[in-house]
Amino acid sequence: MVAKNNPTPKLSLSVQYADTRLQELLPRPLLRKTVQAALYFPAELTLRFVDAEEGRVLNRDYRGKDYATNVLTFAYTEDEDAEVTQADIILCTDVLQTEAQEQKKSVTDHARHLIVHGVLHAQGYDHETDEEAEEMEALEIQILAALGLANPYL
C-alpha cells in the first residue's frame, strides 16, 4: 500500500446510531478524529452502529456467515486509481461490548481499534495472508499509538 503522504486527507463522514447505546461514549468528534488518523486518501465514509440482529443479517446476507461480527466494511471503490475512498463501516454494539469485556478493554478503546481496522479495509488493506495480517496489524498499532491508545494485540 501507499505511505501516508497527505497528513489530513479530505473526509466526508456520516455517523448513524441505529443502536444508540454507544452514542454518548463515542461522540461524532471522537469518531472523526479516529477515522482521520487511519486515512491515507480522501474518503466518503459512513460509520453505522447496529444491534446484534442487524449485524447478523448483514453478515449473513453479504458474507454468508449467520452470526453478528464486530465490524463489517463495505468498500465501494475497488479501483486503486479512484480519487475518493467510499465505504460503509458497520460496528455491532453487542459484539463490541462483549469483546471489550472479555479482553478487559474499555468499550471506547475497542471501538476505536475496530474503526481503524475498518477504515484500513476500506482503503484496500486486508489480512488474508500472514504477510497482509502483519502489515495491517502494524499499521493499526502505529495509528492507535498516535491516538494515545495501547497496542490492542497485547
N, C-alpha and C. Protein backbone atom coordinates (compact mmCIF):
# COMPACT_ATOMS: atom_id res chain seq x y z
N MET A 1 0.82 -1.19 0.00
CA MET A 1 0.00 0.00 0.00
C MET A 1 0.87 1.25 0.00
N VAL A 2 0.22 2.36 -0.24
CA VAL A 2 0.90 3.64 -0.35
C VAL A 2 1.09 4.26 1.03
N ALA A 3 2.25 4.85 1.25
CA ALA A 3 2.51 5.54 2.53
C ALA A 3 1.66 6.79 2.61
N LYS A 4 1.41 7.22 3.82
CA LYS A 4 0.59 8.40 4.05
C LYS A 4 1.40 9.64 3.67
N ASN A 5 1.01 10.29 2.56
CA ASN A 5 1.74 11.47 2.11
C ASN A 5 1.00 12.76 2.42
N ASN A 6 -0.28 12.68 2.62
CA ASN A 6 -1.07 13.86 2.97
C ASN A 6 -1.54 13.67 4.41
N PRO A 7 -1.07 14.49 5.35
CA PRO A 7 -1.40 14.25 6.76
C PRO A 7 -2.89 14.38 7.08
N THR A 8 -3.64 15.13 6.28
CA THR A 8 -5.06 15.27 6.55
C THR A 8 -5.88 15.16 5.26
N PRO A 9 -6.07 13.94 4.78
CA PRO A 9 -6.91 13.78 3.59
C PRO A 9 -8.33 14.26 3.87
N LYS A 10 -8.98 14.75 2.84
CA LYS A 10 -10.36 15.23 2.95
C LYS A 10 -11.27 14.07 3.37
N LEU A 11 -12.15 14.35 4.32
CA LEU A 11 -13.06 13.33 4.83
C LEU A 11 -14.48 13.86 4.89
N SER A 12 -15.40 13.09 4.29
CA SER A 12 -16.83 13.30 4.46
C SER A 12 -17.30 12.11 5.29
N LEU A 13 -17.75 12.37 6.51
CA LEU A 13 -18.12 11.30 7.43
C LEU A 13 -19.56 11.42 7.87
N SER A 14 -20.29 10.33 7.69
CA SER A 14 -21.66 10.23 8.19
C SER A 14 -21.63 9.22 9.33
N VAL A 15 -22.31 9.54 10.43
CA VAL A 15 -22.39 8.64 11.57
C VAL A 15 -23.85 8.32 11.82
N GLN A 16 -24.15 7.02 11.89
CA GLN A 16 -25.52 6.57 12.12
C GLN A 16 -25.54 5.70 13.38
N TYR A 17 -26.39 6.06 14.31
CA TYR A 17 -26.56 5.27 15.53
C TYR A 17 -27.90 4.55 15.46
N ALA A 18 -27.99 3.50 14.65
CA ALA A 18 -29.20 2.69 14.61
C ALA A 18 -29.39 2.05 15.99
N ASP A 19 -28.28 1.73 16.64
CA ASP A 19 -28.26 1.28 18.03
C ASP A 19 -27.59 2.42 18.79
N THR A 20 -28.32 3.07 19.68
CA THR A 20 -27.84 4.29 20.32
C THR A 20 -27.03 4.07 21.60
N ARG A 21 -26.82 2.83 22.00
CA ARG A 21 -26.17 2.56 23.30
C ARG A 21 -24.78 3.17 23.44
N LEU A 22 -24.06 3.34 22.35
CA LEU A 22 -22.69 3.86 22.44
C LEU A 22 -22.58 5.33 22.01
N GLN A 23 -23.69 5.95 21.77
CA GLN A 23 -23.69 7.32 21.25
C GLN A 23 -22.96 8.29 22.18
N GLU A 24 -23.17 8.17 23.49
CA GLU A 24 -22.50 9.09 24.42
C GLU A 24 -21.02 8.75 24.58
N LEU A 25 -20.68 7.47 24.57
CA LEU A 25 -19.28 7.05 24.69
C LEU A 25 -18.46 7.38 23.46
N LEU A 26 -19.13 7.38 22.32
CA LEU A 26 -18.45 7.57 21.03
C LEU A 26 -19.08 8.73 20.26
N PRO A 27 -18.87 9.95 20.73
CA PRO A 27 -19.46 11.10 20.04
C PRO A 27 -18.78 11.34 18.69
N ARG A 28 -19.47 12.01 17.83
CA ARG A 28 -19.00 12.27 16.47
C ARG A 28 -17.58 12.85 16.40
N PRO A 29 -17.21 13.85 17.21
CA PRO A 29 -15.84 14.38 17.10
C PRO A 29 -14.76 13.33 17.38
N LEU A 30 -15.00 12.45 18.33
CA LEU A 30 -14.05 11.38 18.63
C LEU A 30 -13.97 10.39 17.47
N LEU A 31 -15.10 10.07 16.89
CA LEU A 31 -15.13 9.16 15.75
C LEU A 31 -14.39 9.77 14.56
N ARG A 32 -14.62 11.05 14.31
CA ARG A 32 -13.96 11.73 13.20
C ARG A 32 -12.44 11.71 13.38
N LYS A 33 -11.99 12.01 14.59
CA LYS A 33 -10.56 12.02 14.89
C LYS A 33 -9.96 10.63 14.66
N THR A 34 -10.68 9.59 15.05
CA THR A 34 -10.21 8.21 14.89
C THR A 34 -10.13 7.84 13.42
N VAL A 35 -11.17 8.14 12.68
CA VAL A 35 -11.19 7.83 11.24
C VAL A 35 -10.08 8.59 10.54
N GLN A 36 -9.96 9.87 10.83
CA GLN A 36 -8.97 10.71 10.16
C GLN A 36 -7.55 10.17 10.37
N ALA A 37 -7.27 9.65 11.55
CA ALA A 37 -5.93 9.13 11.85
C ALA A 37 -5.58 7.93 10.98
N ALA A 38 -6.58 7.20 10.50
CA ALA A 38 -6.34 6.00 9.70
C ALA A 38 -6.45 6.24 8.20
N LEU A 39 -6.74 7.48 7.81
CA LEU A 39 -6.93 7.77 6.38
C LEU A 39 -5.62 8.08 5.67
N TYR A 40 -5.47 7.47 4.51
CA TYR A 40 -4.34 7.75 3.63
C TYR A 40 -4.79 8.47 2.37
N PHE A 41 -6.10 8.44 2.10
CA PHE A 41 -6.67 9.01 0.90
C PHE A 41 -7.95 9.75 1.25
N PRO A 42 -8.38 10.69 0.42
CA PRO A 42 -9.68 11.32 0.64
C PRO A 42 -10.77 10.25 0.70
N ALA A 43 -11.77 10.49 1.54
CA ALA A 43 -12.78 9.44 1.73
C ALA A 43 -14.16 10.00 2.01
N GLU A 44 -15.16 9.22 1.61
CA GLU A 44 -16.56 9.42 1.96
C GLU A 44 -16.98 8.15 2.67
N LEU A 45 -17.13 8.25 3.99
CA LEU A 45 -17.39 7.07 4.80
C LEU A 45 -18.64 7.24 5.65
N THR A 46 -19.28 6.12 5.92
CA THR A 46 -20.37 6.07 6.88
C THR A 46 -19.99 5.08 7.96
N LEU A 47 -20.10 5.50 9.22
CA LEU A 47 -19.99 4.60 10.37
C LEU A 47 -21.40 4.36 10.85
N ARG A 48 -21.77 3.11 10.99
CA ARG A 48 -23.12 2.77 11.45
C ARG A 48 -23.02 1.79 12.61
N PHE A 49 -23.61 2.14 13.73
CA PHE A 49 -23.65 1.29 14.92
C PHE A 49 -24.98 0.55 14.93
N VAL A 50 -24.90 -0.79 14.99
CA VAL A 50 -26.10 -1.62 14.89
C VAL A 50 -26.17 -2.60 16.06
N ASP A 51 -27.36 -3.18 16.26
CA ASP A 51 -27.51 -4.22 17.28
C ASP A 51 -27.15 -5.58 16.67
N ALA A 52 -27.20 -6.62 17.49
CA ALA A 52 -26.80 -7.95 17.06
C ALA A 52 -27.65 -8.47 15.90
N GLU A 53 -28.94 -8.18 15.92
CA GLU A 53 -29.82 -8.68 14.86
C GLU A 53 -29.45 -8.09 13.50
N GLU A 54 -29.29 -6.77 13.44
CA GLU A 54 -28.91 -6.16 12.15
C GLU A 54 -27.52 -6.62 11.73
N GLY A 55 -26.61 -6.72 12.69
CA GLY A 55 -25.26 -7.20 12.39
C GLY A 55 -25.28 -8.61 11.84
N ARG A 56 -26.10 -9.48 12.42
CA ARG A 56 -26.21 -10.87 11.95
C ARG A 56 -26.77 -10.92 10.54
N VAL A 57 -27.83 -10.15 10.28
CA VAL A 57 -28.45 -10.14 8.95
C VAL A 57 -27.46 -9.66 7.89
N LEU A 58 -26.73 -8.60 8.18
CA LEU A 58 -25.76 -8.09 7.21
C LEU A 58 -24.64 -9.10 6.96
N ASN A 59 -24.13 -9.70 8.02
CA ASN A 59 -23.06 -10.67 7.87
C ASN A 59 -23.55 -11.91 7.10
N ARG A 60 -24.78 -12.32 7.37
CA ARG A 60 -25.36 -13.48 6.68
C ARG A 60 -25.60 -13.17 5.20
N ASP A 61 -26.23 -12.03 4.94
CA ASP A 61 -26.61 -11.71 3.57
C ASP A 61 -25.43 -11.37 2.68
N TYR A 62 -24.39 -10.76 3.24
CA TYR A 62 -23.27 -10.31 2.40
C TYR A 62 -22.02 -11.15 2.51
N ARG A 63 -21.90 -11.93 3.59
CA ARG A 63 -20.71 -12.76 3.74
C ARG A 63 -21.03 -14.24 3.90
N GLY A 64 -22.32 -14.57 3.98
CA GLY A 64 -22.72 -15.96 4.12
C GLY A 64 -22.41 -16.55 5.48
N LYS A 65 -22.24 -15.69 6.50
CA LYS A 65 -21.93 -16.14 7.85
C LYS A 65 -23.06 -15.69 8.77
N ASP A 66 -23.77 -16.64 9.33
CA ASP A 66 -25.00 -16.35 10.06
C ASP A 66 -24.75 -16.05 11.54
N TYR A 67 -24.00 -15.00 11.79
CA TYR A 67 -23.76 -14.52 13.16
C TYR A 67 -23.33 -13.05 13.08
N ALA A 68 -23.52 -12.35 14.16
CA ALA A 68 -23.09 -10.95 14.22
C ALA A 68 -21.58 -10.93 14.43
N THR A 69 -20.90 -10.05 13.75
CA THR A 69 -19.45 -9.89 13.90
C THR A 69 -19.17 -8.47 14.38
N ASN A 70 -17.95 -8.21 14.82
CA ASN A 70 -17.65 -6.91 15.43
C ASN A 70 -17.68 -5.76 14.42
N VAL A 71 -17.07 -5.94 13.26
CA VAL A 71 -17.03 -4.86 12.27
C VAL A 71 -17.12 -5.45 10.87
N LEU A 72 -17.90 -4.79 10.04
CA LEU A 72 -18.02 -5.14 8.62
C LEU A 72 -17.67 -3.90 7.81
N THR A 73 -16.88 -4.07 6.78
CA THR A 73 -16.55 -2.95 5.90
C THR A 73 -17.05 -3.26 4.51
N PHE A 74 -17.87 -2.37 3.99
CA PHE A 74 -18.36 -2.48 2.63
C PHE A 74 -17.66 -1.39 1.83
N ALA A 75 -16.60 -1.78 1.13
CA ALA A 75 -15.81 -0.83 0.34
C ALA A 75 -16.39 -0.78 -1.07
N TYR A 76 -16.64 0.43 -1.54
CA TYR A 76 -17.27 0.59 -2.85
C TYR A 76 -16.31 1.05 -3.93
N THR A 77 -15.09 1.38 -3.56
CA THR A 77 -14.11 1.82 -4.54
C THR A 77 -12.99 0.80 -4.59
N GLU A 78 -13.11 -0.13 -5.51
CA GLU A 78 -12.10 -1.18 -5.66
C GLU A 78 -10.93 -0.71 -6.52
N ASP A 79 -11.14 0.31 -7.33
CA ASP A 79 -10.11 0.81 -8.25
C ASP A 79 -9.07 1.61 -7.48
N GLU A 80 -7.80 1.19 -7.56
CA GLU A 80 -6.74 1.90 -6.85
C GLU A 80 -6.57 3.33 -7.35
N ASP A 81 -7.05 3.62 -8.55
CA ASP A 81 -6.93 4.97 -9.11
C ASP A 81 -8.08 5.89 -8.71
N ALA A 82 -9.02 5.37 -7.94
CA ALA A 82 -10.17 6.18 -7.51
C ALA A 82 -9.67 7.37 -6.69
N GLU A 83 -10.28 8.51 -6.93
CA GLU A 83 -9.87 9.73 -6.23
C GLU A 83 -10.37 9.77 -4.79
N VAL A 84 -11.47 9.08 -4.52
CA VAL A 84 -12.08 9.09 -3.19
C VAL A 84 -12.43 7.66 -2.77
N THR A 85 -12.02 7.29 -1.57
CA THR A 85 -12.40 6.01 -0.99
C THR A 85 -13.83 6.13 -0.47
N GLN A 86 -14.69 5.20 -0.86
CA GLN A 86 -16.08 5.20 -0.40
C GLN A 86 -16.38 3.87 0.28
N ALA A 87 -16.95 3.95 1.49
CA ALA A 87 -17.26 2.71 2.21
C ALA A 87 -18.26 2.97 3.33
N ASP A 88 -18.95 1.90 3.68
CA ASP A 88 -19.78 1.85 4.88
C ASP A 88 -19.06 0.93 5.85
N ILE A 89 -18.93 1.37 7.09
CA ILE A 89 -18.29 0.57 8.13
C ILE A 89 -19.34 0.35 9.22
N ILE A 90 -19.67 -0.92 9.43
CA ILE A 90 -20.74 -1.30 10.35
C ILE A 90 -20.12 -1.87 11.62
N LEU A 91 -20.48 -1.31 12.76
CA LEU A 91 -19.99 -1.82 14.04
C LEU A 91 -21.16 -2.36 14.85
N CYS A 92 -21.01 -3.58 15.32
CA CYS A 92 -22.08 -4.22 16.08
C CYS A 92 -21.84 -3.97 17.57
N THR A 93 -22.71 -3.18 18.17
CA THR A 93 -22.59 -2.79 19.56
C THR A 93 -22.52 -3.99 20.50
N ASP A 94 -23.38 -4.98 20.30
CA ASP A 94 -23.40 -6.14 21.19
C ASP A 94 -22.07 -6.89 21.18
N VAL A 95 -21.55 -7.16 20.00
CA VAL A 95 -20.29 -7.89 19.87
C VAL A 95 -19.15 -7.04 20.42
N LEU A 96 -19.14 -5.77 20.09
CA LEU A 96 -18.11 -4.86 20.56
C LEU A 96 -18.05 -4.82 22.09
N GLN A 97 -19.20 -4.71 22.74
CA GLN A 97 -19.24 -4.66 24.20
C GLN A 97 -18.79 -5.99 24.81
N THR A 98 -19.23 -7.10 24.24
CA THR A 98 -18.84 -8.41 24.76
C THR A 98 -17.34 -8.62 24.62
N GLU A 99 -16.80 -8.30 23.45
CA GLU A 99 -15.36 -8.46 23.24
C GLU A 99 -14.54 -7.57 24.17
N ALA A 100 -14.97 -6.34 24.34
CA ALA A 100 -14.25 -5.43 25.23
C ALA A 100 -14.20 -5.99 26.64
N GLN A 101 -15.32 -6.51 27.12
CA GLN A 101 -15.38 -7.09 28.46
C GLN A 101 -14.47 -8.31 28.56
N GLU A 102 -14.55 -9.20 27.57
CA GLU A 102 -13.73 -10.42 27.57
C GLU A 102 -12.24 -10.10 27.51
N GLN A 103 -11.88 -9.05 26.77
CA GLN A 103 -10.47 -8.68 26.59
C GLN A 103 -10.00 -7.67 27.63
N LYS A 104 -10.89 -7.34 28.56
CA LYS A 104 -10.58 -6.38 29.63
C LYS A 104 -10.06 -5.05 29.07
N LYS A 105 -10.81 -4.54 28.08
CA LYS A 105 -10.51 -3.26 27.44
C LYS A 105 -11.72 -2.35 27.62
N SER A 106 -11.49 -1.06 27.51
CA SER A 106 -12.64 -0.17 27.53
C SER A 106 -13.39 -0.30 26.21
N VAL A 107 -14.69 -0.11 26.27
CA VAL A 107 -15.51 -0.17 25.06
C VAL A 107 -15.04 0.90 24.07
N THR A 108 -14.72 2.06 24.56
CA THR A 108 -14.27 3.15 23.69
C THR A 108 -13.00 2.78 22.95
N ASP A 109 -12.01 2.27 23.67
CA ASP A 109 -10.74 1.89 23.02
C ASP A 109 -10.95 0.77 22.02
N HIS A 110 -11.76 -0.21 22.37
CA HIS A 110 -12.00 -1.33 21.46
C HIS A 110 -12.73 -0.84 20.20
N ALA A 111 -13.71 0.01 20.39
CA ALA A 111 -14.44 0.56 19.24
C ALA A 111 -13.51 1.35 18.33
N ARG A 112 -12.64 2.14 18.93
CA ARG A 112 -11.71 2.93 18.11
C ARG A 112 -10.76 2.03 17.33
N HIS A 113 -10.33 0.93 17.95
CA HIS A 113 -9.49 -0.03 17.23
C HIS A 113 -10.25 -0.62 16.04
N LEU A 114 -11.49 -1.02 16.25
CA LEU A 114 -12.27 -1.61 15.17
C LEU A 114 -12.56 -0.60 14.07
N ILE A 115 -12.72 0.66 14.43
CA ILE A 115 -12.92 1.70 13.42
C ILE A 115 -11.66 1.84 12.57
N VAL A 116 -10.49 1.90 13.21
CA VAL A 116 -9.23 1.97 12.46
C VAL A 116 -9.13 0.75 11.54
N HIS A 117 -9.44 -0.43 12.06
CA HIS A 117 -9.40 -1.66 11.28
C HIS A 117 -10.32 -1.54 10.05
N GLY A 118 -11.54 -1.06 10.27
CA GLY A 118 -12.49 -0.91 9.17
C GLY A 118 -12.05 0.11 8.15
N VAL A 119 -11.48 1.21 8.61
CA VAL A 119 -11.01 2.26 7.68
C VAL A 119 -9.86 1.72 6.83
N LEU A 120 -8.98 0.94 7.42
CA LEU A 120 -7.90 0.34 6.64
C LEU A 120 -8.47 -0.62 5.58
N HIS A 121 -9.45 -1.43 5.96
CA HIS A 121 -10.11 -2.30 4.97
C HIS A 121 -10.70 -1.47 3.84
N ALA A 122 -11.33 -0.36 4.17
CA ALA A 122 -11.96 0.50 3.15
C ALA A 122 -10.94 1.00 2.14
N GLN A 123 -9.69 1.10 2.57
CA GLN A 123 -8.64 1.60 1.69
C GLN A 123 -7.84 0.48 1.01
N GLY A 124 -8.34 -0.75 1.14
CA GLY A 124 -7.73 -1.85 0.41
C GLY A 124 -6.83 -2.76 1.21
N TYR A 125 -6.63 -2.47 2.48
CA TYR A 125 -5.81 -3.37 3.31
C TYR A 125 -6.62 -4.60 3.66
N ASP A 126 -5.93 -5.72 3.83
CA ASP A 126 -6.60 -6.96 4.16
C ASP A 126 -5.70 -7.81 5.04
N HIS A 127 -6.23 -8.93 5.52
CA HIS A 127 -5.44 -9.81 6.37
C HIS A 127 -5.69 -11.27 5.99
N GLU A 128 -5.77 -11.52 4.68
CA GLU A 128 -5.99 -12.87 4.17
C GLU A 128 -4.75 -13.74 4.29
N THR A 129 -3.57 -13.15 4.15
CA THR A 129 -2.32 -13.90 4.29
C THR A 129 -1.60 -13.42 5.54
N ASP A 130 -0.64 -14.19 6.00
CA ASP A 130 0.15 -13.80 7.18
C ASP A 130 0.86 -12.47 6.95
N GLU A 131 1.40 -12.29 5.76
CA GLU A 131 2.11 -11.05 5.44
C GLU A 131 1.17 -9.84 5.48
N GLU A 132 -0.02 -9.99 4.89
CA GLU A 132 -1.01 -8.91 4.92
C GLU A 132 -1.45 -8.62 6.35
N ALA A 133 -1.66 -9.67 7.12
CA ALA A 133 -2.10 -9.51 8.51
C ALA A 133 -1.05 -8.76 9.32
N GLU A 134 0.21 -9.11 9.13
CA GLU A 134 1.29 -8.43 9.86
C GLU A 134 1.36 -6.95 9.48
N GLU A 135 1.22 -6.66 8.18
CA GLU A 135 1.25 -5.27 7.72
C GLU A 135 0.09 -4.47 8.31
N MET A 136 -1.10 -5.06 8.27
CA MET A 136 -2.29 -4.36 8.75
C MET A 136 -2.22 -4.16 10.26
N GLU A 137 -1.79 -5.19 10.97
CA GLU A 137 -1.66 -5.11 12.43
C GLU A 137 -0.65 -4.03 12.82
N ALA A 138 0.47 -3.97 12.13
CA ALA A 138 1.49 -2.97 12.43
C ALA A 138 0.94 -1.56 12.21
N LEU A 139 0.18 -1.37 11.14
CA LEU A 139 -0.43 -0.07 10.89
C LEU A 139 -1.42 0.29 11.99
N GLU A 140 -2.25 -0.68 12.39
CA GLU A 140 -3.22 -0.43 13.45
C GLU A 140 -2.52 0.01 14.73
N ILE A 141 -1.47 -0.70 15.11
CA ILE A 141 -0.72 -0.38 16.33
C ILE A 141 -0.15 1.03 16.23
N GLN A 142 0.42 1.36 15.09
CA GLN A 142 1.02 2.69 14.87
C GLN A 142 -0.04 3.80 14.94
N ILE A 143 -1.16 3.59 14.28
CA ILE A 143 -2.23 4.60 14.25
C ILE A 143 -2.81 4.79 15.65
N LEU A 144 -3.07 3.67 16.33
CA LEU A 144 -3.64 3.76 17.68
C LEU A 144 -2.66 4.43 18.64
N ALA A 145 -1.37 4.15 18.51
CA ALA A 145 -0.37 4.80 19.38
C ALA A 145 -0.38 6.30 19.15
N ALA A 146 -0.53 6.72 17.89
CA ALA A 146 -0.60 8.16 17.58
C ALA A 146 -1.82 8.80 18.23
N LEU A 147 -2.86 8.00 18.46
CA LEU A 147 -4.07 8.48 19.13
C LEU A 147 -3.98 8.35 20.64
N GLY A 148 -2.85 7.82 21.13
CA GLY A 148 -2.67 7.65 22.58
C GLY A 148 -3.29 6.37 23.12
N LEU A 149 -3.55 5.40 22.25
CA LEU A 149 -4.16 4.14 22.67
C LEU A 149 -3.14 3.01 22.68
N ALA A 150 -3.36 2.08 23.56
CA ALA A 150 -2.44 0.95 23.74
C ALA A 150 -2.53 -0.03 22.57
N ASN A 151 -1.50 -0.83 22.42
CA ASN A 151 -1.47 -1.90 21.43
C ASN A 151 -2.60 -2.88 21.74
N PRO A 152 -3.56 -3.04 20.84
CA PRO A 152 -4.71 -3.90 21.12
C PRO A 152 -4.38 -5.39 21.04
N TYR A 153 -3.20 -5.73 20.56
CA TYR A 153 -2.84 -7.13 20.36
C TYR A 153 -2.03 -7.70 21.52
N LEU A 154 -1.78 -6.89 22.56
CA LEU A 154 -1.03 -7.40 23.72
C LEU A 154 -1.95 -8.10 24.69
